Amino acid sequence: MYQITFDSEKNLATIDLNRFFYPLHLVQQAASKFNNIAEVSVREVQGRVIVSLAPKEDKEAEPMALHFCNFALGLKRELGEHA
C-alpha cells in the first residue's frame, strides 16, 4: 500500500504510494491540507505517487508522514471513493 523512508538529518519523509489505494487527485488534496505545517511535494513516477514531506516547525517527519497516509485514506472514505 505504501512505503516510507526517512532522512533524519534533513527531517524529511518520502512516501511511495500505490495509486490504486491513493489516487493522485486525492493525495494532492491531502497535501494542500498539510501545506501549513510542512513543505509537501507530490509527483507521479512510473505509476506511483511520491510524496516528500518536511515539517516546517520543530516536529518529526516520521509521525507526520504516518498521519498524512491516514489522513489521505480518511479523505478517500469521506469522498466515498473505493479501491
PDB file of N, CA and C in Angstrom:
ATOM      1  N   MET A   1       0.816  -1.177   0.000  1.00  0.00           N
ATOM      2  CA  MET A   1       0.000   0.000   0.000  1.00  0.00           C
ATOM      3  C   MET A   1       0.869   1.254   0.000  1.00  0.00           C
ATOM      4  N   TYR A   2       1.842   1.326   0.935  1.00  0.00           N
ATOM      5  CA  TYR A   2       2.781   2.442   0.922  1.00  0.00           C
ATOM      6  C   TYR A   2       4.091   2.037   1.582  1.00  0.00           C
ATOM      7  N   GLN A   3       5.116   2.798   1.251  1.00  0.00           N
ATOM      8  CA  GLN A   3       6.438   2.609   1.842  1.00  0.00           C
ATOM      9  C   GLN A   3       6.955   3.989   2.216  1.00  0.00           C
ATOM     10  N   ILE A   4       7.512   4.111   3.404  1.00  0.00           N
ATOM     11  CA  ILE A   4       8.020   5.398   3.868  1.00  0.00           C
ATOM     12  C   ILE A   4       9.504   5.259   4.184  1.00  0.00           C
ATOM     13  N   THR A   5      10.291   6.209   3.692  1.00  0.00           N
ATOM     14  CA  THR A   5      11.702   6.283   4.061  1.00  0.00           C
ATOM     15  C   THR A   5      11.931   7.633   4.732  1.00  0.00           C
ATOM     16  N   PHE A   6      12.908   7.662   5.626  1.00  0.00           N
ATOM     17  CA  PHE A   6      13.182   8.863   6.403  1.00  0.00           C
ATOM     18  C   PHE A   6      14.642   9.264   6.281  1.00  0.00           C
ATOM     19  N   ASP A   7      14.860  10.550   6.193  1.00  0.00           N
ATOM     20  CA  ASP A   7      16.194  11.125   6.255  1.00  0.00           C
ATOM     21  C   ASP A   7      16.209  11.959   7.529  1.00  0.00           C
ATOM     22  N   SER A   8      16.769  11.400   8.599  1.00  0.00           N
ATOM     23  CA  SER A   8      16.718  12.073   9.907  1.00  0.00           C
ATOM     24  C   SER A   8      17.552  13.346   9.938  1.00  0.00           C
ATOM     25  N   GLU A   9      18.619  13.406   9.148  1.00  0.00           N
ATOM     26  CA  GLU A   9      19.447  14.617   9.113  1.00  0.00           C
ATOM     27  C   GLU A   9      18.681  15.800   8.522  1.00  0.00           C
ATOM     28  N   LYS A  10      17.890  15.541   7.497  1.00  0.00           N
ATOM     29  CA  LYS A  10      17.108  16.597   6.848  1.00  0.00           C
ATOM     30  C   LYS A  10      15.693  16.697   7.408  1.00  0.00           C
ATOM     31  N   ASN A  11      15.320  15.766   8.300  1.00  0.00           N
ATOM     32  CA  ASN A  11      13.962  15.676   8.840  1.00  0.00           C
ATOM     33  C   ASN A  11      12.960  15.644   7.686  1.00  0.00           C
ATOM     34  N   LEU A  12      13.175  14.678   6.780  1.00  0.00           N
ATOM     35  CA  LEU A  12      12.395  14.548   5.563  1.00  0.00           C
ATOM     36  C   LEU A  12      11.852  13.127   5.463  1.00  0.00           C
ATOM     37  N   ALA A  13      10.576  13.037   5.109  1.00  0.00           N
ATOM     38  CA  ALA A  13       9.969  11.734   4.853  1.00  0.00           C
ATOM     39  C   ALA A  13       9.607  11.655   3.376  1.00  0.00           C
ATOM     40  N   THR A  14       9.856  10.507   2.769  1.00  0.00           N
ATOM     41  CA  THR A  14       9.447  10.256   1.393  1.00  0.00           C
ATOM     42  C   THR A  14       8.488   9.072   1.427  1.00  0.00           C
ATOM     43  N   ILE A  15       7.308   9.302   0.900  1.00  0.00           N
ATOM     44  CA  ILE A  15       6.249   8.290   0.927  1.00  0.00           C
ATOM     45  C   ILE A  15       5.992   7.825  -0.498  1.00  0.00           C
ATOM     46  N   ASP A  16       6.104   6.531  -0.722  1.00  0.00           N
ATOM     47  CA  ASP A  16       5.848   5.919  -2.024  1.00  0.00           C
ATOM     48  C   ASP A  16       4.479   5.242  -1.936  1.00  0.00           C
ATOM     49  N   LEU A  17       3.497   5.817  -2.636  1.00  0.00           N
ATOM     50  CA  LEU A  17       2.116   5.346  -2.531  1.00  0.00           C
ATOM     51  C   LEU A  17       1.668   4.599  -3.771  1.00  0.00           C
ATOM     52  N   ASN A  18       0.845   3.605  -3.572  1.00  0.00           N
ATOM     53  CA  ASN A  18       0.219   2.861  -4.653  1.00  0.00           C
ATOM     54  C   ASN A  18      -0.975   3.670  -5.147  1.00  0.00           C
ATOM     55  N   ARG A  19      -1.004   3.996  -6.435  1.00  0.00           N
ATOM     56  CA  ARG A  19      -2.098   4.817  -6.993  1.00  0.00           C
ATOM     57  C   ARG A  19      -3.444   4.133  -6.886  1.00  0.00           C
ATOM     58  N   PHE A  20      -3.481   2.827  -6.767  1.00  0.00           N
ATOM     59  CA  PHE A  20      -4.755   2.122  -6.630  1.00  0.00           C
ATOM     60  C   PHE A  20      -5.432   2.521  -5.319  1.00  0.00           C
ATOM     61  N   PHE A  21      -4.665   2.596  -4.245  1.00  0.00           N
ATOM     62  CA  PHE A  21      -5.208   2.960  -2.932  1.00  0.00           C
ATOM     63  C   PHE A  21      -5.204   4.466  -2.702  1.00  0.00           C
ATOM     64  N   TYR A  22      -4.259   5.156  -3.313  1.00  0.00           N
ATOM     65  CA  TYR A  22      -4.081   6.594  -3.123  1.00  0.00           C
ATOM     66  C   TYR A  22      -4.064   7.294  -4.489  1.00  0.00           C
ATOM     67  N   PRO A  23      -5.245   7.584  -5.072  1.00  0.00           N
ATOM     68  CA  PRO A  23      -5.277   8.273  -6.365  1.00  0.00           C
ATOM     69  C   PRO A  23      -4.581   9.637  -6.273  1.00  0.00           C
ATOM     70  N   LEU A  24      -3.964  10.044  -7.371  1.00  0.00           N
ATOM     71  CA  LEU A  24      -3.187  11.275  -7.402  1.00  0.00           C
ATOM     72  C   LEU A  24      -3.990  12.484  -6.938  1.00  0.00           C
ATOM     73  N   HIS A  25      -5.208  12.644  -7.426  1.00  0.00           N
ATOM     74  CA  HIS A  25      -6.013  13.808  -7.055  1.00  0.00           C
ATOM     75  C   HIS A  25      -6.297  13.840  -5.552  1.00  0.00           C
ATOM     76  N   LEU A  26      -6.461  12.681  -4.948  1.00  0.00           N
ATOM     77  CA  LEU A  26      -6.729  12.600  -3.520  1.00  0.00           C
ATOM     78  C   LEU A  26      -5.473  12.966  -2.720  1.00  0.00           C
ATOM     79  N   VAL A  27      -4.327  12.505  -3.166  1.00  0.00           N
ATOM     80  CA  VAL A  27      -3.066  12.821  -2.492  1.00  0.00           C
ATOM     81  C   VAL A  27      -2.787  14.324  -2.595  1.00  0.00           C
ATOM     82  N   GLN A  28      -3.103  14.917  -3.735  1.00  0.00           N
ATOM     83  CA  GLN A  28      -2.916  16.357  -3.897  1.00  0.00           C
ATOM     84  C   GLN A  28      -3.826  17.144  -2.953  1.00  0.00           C
ATOM     85  N   GLN A  29      -5.042  16.668  -2.751  1.00  0.00           N
ATOM     86  CA  GLN A  29      -5.945  17.315  -1.792  1.00  0.00           C
ATOM     87  C   GLN A  29      -5.392  17.212  -0.376  1.00  0.00           C
ATOM     88  N   ALA A  30      -4.907  16.038  -0.022  1.00  0.00           N
ATOM     89  CA  ALA A  30      -4.326  15.850   1.308  1.00  0.00           C
ATOM     90  C   ALA A  30      -3.112  16.755   1.488  1.00  0.00           C
ATOM     91  N   ALA A  31      -2.279  16.848   0.450  1.00  0.00           N
ATOM     92  CA  ALA A  31      -1.076  17.689   0.518  1.00  0.00           C
ATOM     93  C   ALA A  31      -1.448  19.143   0.753  1.00  0.00           C
ATOM     94  N   SER A  32      -2.517  19.613   0.133  1.00  0.00           N
ATOM     95  CA  SER A  32      -2.924  21.014   0.314  1.00  0.00           C
ATOM     96  C   SER A  32      -3.323  21.290   1.765  1.00  0.00           C
ATOM     97  N   LYS A  33      -3.829  20.290   2.452  1.00  0.00           N
ATOM     98  CA  LYS A  33      -4.194  20.454   3.868  1.00  0.00           C
ATOM     99  C   LYS A  33      -2.964  20.474   4.770  1.00  0.00           C
ATOM    100  N   PHE A  34      -1.860  19.894   4.314  1.00  0.00           N
ATOM    101  CA  PHE A  34      -0.631  19.823   5.110  1.00  0.00           C
ATOM    102  C   PHE A  34       0.326  20.981   4.824  1.00  0.00           C
ATOM    103  N   ASN A  35       0.013  21.802   3.824  1.00  0.00           N
ATOM    104  CA  ASN A  35       0.915  22.887   3.428  1.00  0.00           C
ATOM    105  C   ASN A  35       1.217  23.879   4.542  1.00  0.00           C
ATOM    106  N   ASN A  36       0.324  24.034   5.490  1.00  0.00           N
ATOM    107  CA  ASN A  36       0.590  24.998   6.566  1.00  0.00           C
ATOM    108  C   ASN A  36       1.541  24.450   7.628  1.00  0.00           C
ATOM    109  N   ILE A  37       1.741  23.141   7.668  1.00  0.00           N
ATOM    110  CA  ILE A  37       2.619  22.562   8.697  1.00  0.00           C
ATOM    111  C   ILE A  37       3.864  21.890   8.113  1.00  0.00           C
ATOM    112  N   ALA A  38       3.903  21.740   6.784  1.00  0.00           N
ATOM    113  CA  ALA A  38       5.045  21.050   6.163  1.00  0.00           C
ATOM    114  C   ALA A  38       5.242  21.528   4.730  1.00  0.00           C
ATOM    115  N   GLU A  39       6.477  21.373   4.270  1.00  0.00           N
ATOM    116  CA  GLU A  39       6.767  21.539   2.846  1.00  0.00           C
ATOM    117  C   GLU A  39       6.410  20.198   2.209  1.00  0.00           C
ATOM    118  N   VAL A  40       5.471  20.221   1.293  1.00  0.00           N
ATOM    119  CA  VAL A  40       4.976  18.979   0.700  1.00  0.00           C
ATOM    120  C   VAL A  40       5.103  19.065  -0.822  1.00  0.00           C
ATOM    121  N   SER A  41       5.666  18.029  -1.410  1.00  0.00           N
ATOM    122  CA  SER A  41       5.665  17.936  -2.868  1.00  0.00           C
ATOM    123  C   SER A  41       5.083  16.581  -3.258  1.00  0.00           C
ATOM    124  N   VAL A  42       4.307  16.588  -4.323  1.00  0.00           N
ATOM    125  CA  VAL A  42       3.660  15.376  -4.819  1.00  0.00           C
ATOM    126  C   VAL A  42       4.042  15.239  -6.287  1.00  0.00           C
ATOM    127  N   ARG A  43       4.497  14.058  -6.645  1.00  0.00           N
ATOM    128  CA  ARG A  43       4.826  13.814  -8.050  1.00  0.00           C
ATOM    129  C   ARG A  43       4.472  12.369  -8.400  1.00  0.00           C
ATOM    130  N   GLU A  44       4.265  12.143  -9.671  1.00  0.00           N
ATOM    131  CA  GLU A  44       3.957  10.811 -10.159  1.00  0.00           C
ATOM    132  C   GLU A  44       5.188  10.251 -10.856  1.00  0.00           C
ATOM    133  N   VAL A  45       5.580   9.044 -10.465  1.00  0.00           N
ATOM    134  CA  VAL A  45       6.757   8.396 -11.048  1.00  0.00           C
ATOM    135  C   VAL A  45       6.386   6.950 -11.367  1.00  0.00           C
ATOM    136  N   GLN A  46       6.365   6.617 -12.638  1.00  0.00           N
ATOM    137  CA  GLN A  46       6.105   5.248 -13.095  1.00  0.00           C
ATOM    138  C   GLN A  46       4.860   4.641 -12.452  1.00  0.00           C
ATOM    139  N   GLY A  47       3.778   5.380 -12.450  1.00  0.00           N
ATOM    140  CA  GLY A  47       2.523   4.869 -11.922  1.00  0.00           C
ATOM    141  C   GLY A  47       2.421   4.871 -10.413  1.00  0.00           C
ATOM    142  N   ARG A  48       3.407   5.425  -9.741  1.00  0.00           N
ATOM    143  CA  ARG A  48       3.380   5.538  -8.275  1.00  0.00           C
ATOM    144  C   ARG A  48       3.206   7.014  -7.929  1.00  0.00           C
ATOM    145  N   VAL A  49       2.737   7.294  -6.744  1.00  0.00           N
ATOM    146  CA  VAL A  49       2.625   8.669  -6.260  1.00  0.00           C
ATOM    147  C   VAL A  49       3.677   8.842  -5.167  1.00  0.00           C
ATOM    148  N   ILE A  50       4.595   9.777  -5.375  1.00  0.00           N
ATOM    149  CA  ILE A  50       5.685  10.015  -4.429  1.00  0.00           C
ATOM    150  C   ILE A  50       5.437  11.342  -3.730  1.00  0.00           C
ATOM    151  N   VAL A  51       5.428  11.299  -2.409  1.00  0.00           N
ATOM    152  CA  VAL A  51       5.213  12.490  -1.588  1.00  0.00           C
ATOM    153  C   VAL A  51       6.465  12.729  -0.762  1.00  0.00           C
ATOM    154  N   SER A  52       6.977  13.956  -0.816  1.00  0.00           N
ATOM    155  CA  SER A  52       8.076  14.367   0.065  1.00  0.00           C
ATOM    156  C   SER A  52       7.492  15.328   1.080  1.00  0.00           C
ATOM    157  N   LEU A  53       7.808  15.086   2.331  1.00  0.00           N
ATOM    158  CA  LEU A  53       7.199  15.845   3.412  1.00  0.00           C
ATOM    159  C   LEU A  53       8.277  16.266   4.411  1.00  0.00           C
ATOM    160  N   ALA A  54       8.437  17.576   4.606  1.00  0.00           N
ATOM    161  CA  ALA A  54       9.414  18.114   5.563  1.00  0.00           C
ATOM    162  C   ALA A  54       8.688  19.094   6.484  1.00  0.00           C
ATOM    163  N   PRO A  55       8.574  18.779   7.766  1.00  0.00           N
ATOM    164  CA  PRO A  55       7.884  19.669   8.697  1.00  0.00           C
ATOM    165  C   PRO A  55       8.496  21.069   8.704  1.00  0.00           C
ATOM    166  N   LYS A  56       7.639  22.100   8.782  1.00  0.00           N
ATOM    167  CA  LYS A  56       8.106  23.480   8.825  1.00  0.00           C
ATOM    168  C   LYS A  56       8.603  23.853  10.216  1.00  0.00           C
ATOM    169  N   GLU A  57       7.988  23.289  11.224  1.00  0.00           N
ATOM    170  CA  GLU A  57       8.374  23.587  12.599  1.00  0.00           C
ATOM    171  C   GLU A  57       9.238  22.458  13.142  1.00  0.00           C
ATOM    172  N   ASP A  58       9.571  22.565  14.390  1.00  0.00           N
ATOM    173  CA  ASP A  58      10.426  21.576  15.039  1.00  0.00           C
ATOM    174  C   ASP A  58       9.613  20.330  15.407  1.00  0.00           C
ATOM    175  N   LYS A  59       9.125  19.637  14.391  1.00  0.00           N
ATOM    176  CA  LYS A  59       8.376  18.395  14.577  1.00  0.00           C
ATOM    177  C   LYS A  59       9.087  17.304  13.803  1.00  0.00           C
ATOM    178  N   GLU A  60       8.805  16.078  14.151  1.00  0.00           N
ATOM    179  CA  GLU A  60       9.452  14.953  13.482  1.00  0.00           C
ATOM    180  C   GLU A  60       8.677  14.547  12.236  1.00  0.00           C
ATOM    181  N   ALA A  61       9.402  14.193  11.199  1.00  0.00           N
ATOM    182  CA  ALA A  61       8.791  13.816   9.923  1.00  0.00           C
ATOM    183  C   ALA A  61       8.077  12.463   9.995  1.00  0.00           C
ATOM    184  N   GLU A  62       8.597  11.543  10.799  1.00  0.00           N
ATOM    185  CA  GLU A  62       8.021  10.190  10.823  1.00  0.00           C
ATOM    186  C   GLU A  62       6.551  10.169  11.239  1.00  0.00           C
ATOM    187  N   PRO A  63       6.178  10.712  12.405  1.00  0.00           N
ATOM    188  CA  PRO A  63       4.752  10.664  12.753  1.00  0.00           C
ATOM    189  C   PRO A  63       3.892  11.489  11.795  1.00  0.00           C
ATOM    190  N   MET A  64       4.449  12.575  11.257  1.00  0.00           N
ATOM    191  CA  MET A  64       3.697  13.392  10.316  1.00  0.00           C
ATOM    192  C   MET A  64       3.409  12.611   9.037  1.00  0.00           C
ATOM    193  N   ALA A  65       4.373  11.818   8.570  1.00  0.00           N
ATOM    194  CA  ALA A  65       4.176  11.013   7.364  1.00  0.00           C
ATOM    195  C   ALA A  65       3.097   9.959   7.581  1.00  0.00           C
ATOM    196  N   LEU A  66       3.110   9.327   8.733  1.00  0.00           N
ATOM    197  CA  LEU A  66       2.078   8.333   9.053  1.00  0.00           C
ATOM    198  C   LEU A  66       0.709   9.001   9.130  1.00  0.00           C
ATOM    199  N   HIS A  67       0.660  10.173   9.731  1.00  0.00           N
ATOM    200  CA  HIS A  67      -0.592  10.924   9.823  1.00  0.00           C
ATOM    201  C   HIS A  67      -1.076  11.298   8.415  1.00  0.00           C
ATOM    202  N   PHE A  68      -0.165  11.676   7.531  1.00  0.00           N
ATOM    203  CA  PHE A  68      -0.528  12.023   6.158  1.00  0.00           C
ATOM    204  C   PHE A  68      -1.218  10.845   5.472  1.00  0.00           C
ATOM    205  N   CYS A  69      -0.649   9.657   5.594  1.00  0.00           N
ATOM    206  CA  CYS A  69      -1.238   8.467   4.968  1.00  0.00           C
ATOM    207  C   CYS A  69      -2.627   8.191   5.522  1.00  0.00           C
ATOM    208  N   ASN A  70      -2.781   8.282   6.832  1.00  0.00           N
ATOM    209  CA  ASN A  70      -4.087   8.066   7.453  1.00  0.00           C
ATOM    210  C   ASN A  70      -5.082   9.142   7.031  1.00  0.00           C
ATOM    211  N   PHE A  71      -4.616  10.391   6.944  1.00  0.00           N
ATOM    212  CA  PHE A  71      -5.478  11.481   6.520  1.00  0.00           C
ATOM    213  C   PHE A  71      -5.966  11.246   5.094  1.00  0.00           C
ATOM    214  N   ALA A  72      -5.073  10.829   4.209  1.00  0.00           N
ATOM    215  CA  ALA A  72      -5.450  10.584   2.812  1.00  0.00           C
ATOM    216  C   ALA A  72      -6.483   9.460   2.719  1.00  0.00           C
ATOM    217  N   LEU A  73      -6.310   8.406   3.496  1.00  0.00           N
ATOM    218  CA  LEU A  73      -7.300   7.320   3.495  1.00  0.00           C
ATOM    219  C   LEU A  73      -8.634   7.796   4.057  1.00  0.00           C
ATOM    220  N   GLY A  74      -8.594   8.611   5.104  1.00  0.00           N
ATOM    221  CA  GLY A  74      -9.827   9.166   5.664  1.00  0.00           C
ATOM    222  C   GLY A  74     -10.536  10.056   4.654  1.00  0.00           C
ATOM    223  N   LEU A  75      -9.785  10.832   3.925  1.00  0.00           N
ATOM    224  CA  LEU A  75     -10.343  11.691   2.879  1.00  0.00           C
ATOM    225  C   LEU A  75     -10.992  10.836   1.790  1.00  0.00           C
ATOM    226  N   LYS A  76     -10.342   9.744   1.455  1.00  0.00           N
ATOM    227  CA  LYS A  76     -10.889   8.827   0.451  1.00  0.00           C
ATOM    228  C   LYS A  76     -12.231   8.282   0.908  1.00  0.00           C
ATOM    229  N   ARG A  77     -12.308   7.890   2.157  1.00  0.00           N
ATOM    230  CA  ARG A  77     -13.564   7.367   2.710  1.00  0.00           C
ATOM    231  C   ARG A  77     -14.627   8.461   2.733  1.00  0.00           C
ATOM    232  N   GLU A  78     -14.236   9.655   3.162  1.00  0.00           N
ATOM    233  CA  GLU A  78     -15.161  10.779   3.234  1.00  0.00           C
ATOM    234  C   GLU A  78     -15.744  11.127   1.865  1.00  0.00           C
ATOM    235  N   LEU A  79     -14.924  11.032   0.820  1.00  0.00           N
ATOM    236  CA  LEU A  79     -15.375  11.325  -0.536  1.00  0.00           C
ATOM    237  C   LEU A  79     -16.107  10.153  -1.187  1.00  0.00           C
ATOM    238  N   GLY A  80     -16.128   9.013  -0.487  1.00  0.00           N
ATOM    239  CA  GLY A  80     -16.856   7.853  -0.997  1.00  0.00           C
ATOM    240  C   GLY A  80     -16.158   7.130  -2.120  1.00  0.00           C
ATOM    241  N   GLU A  81     -14.831   7.263  -2.184  1.00  0.00           N
ATOM    242  CA  GLU A  81     -14.083   6.567  -3.234  1.00  0.00           C
ATOM    243  C   GLU A  81     -13.734   5.165  -2.757  1.00  0.00           C
ATOM    244  N   HIS A  82     -13.756   4.235  -3.685  1.00  0.00           N
ATOM    245  CA  HIS A  82     -13.483   2.826  -3.338  1.00  0.00           C
ATOM    246  C   HIS A  82     -12.264   2.330  -4.088  1.00  0.00           C
ATOM    247  N   ALA A  83     -11.558   1.427  -3.432  1.00  0.00           N
ATOM    248  CA  ALA A  83     -10.402   0.800  -4.077  1.00  0.00           C
ATOM    249  C   ALA A  83     -10.717  -0.628  -4.406  1.00  0.00           C
TER     250      ALA A  83
END
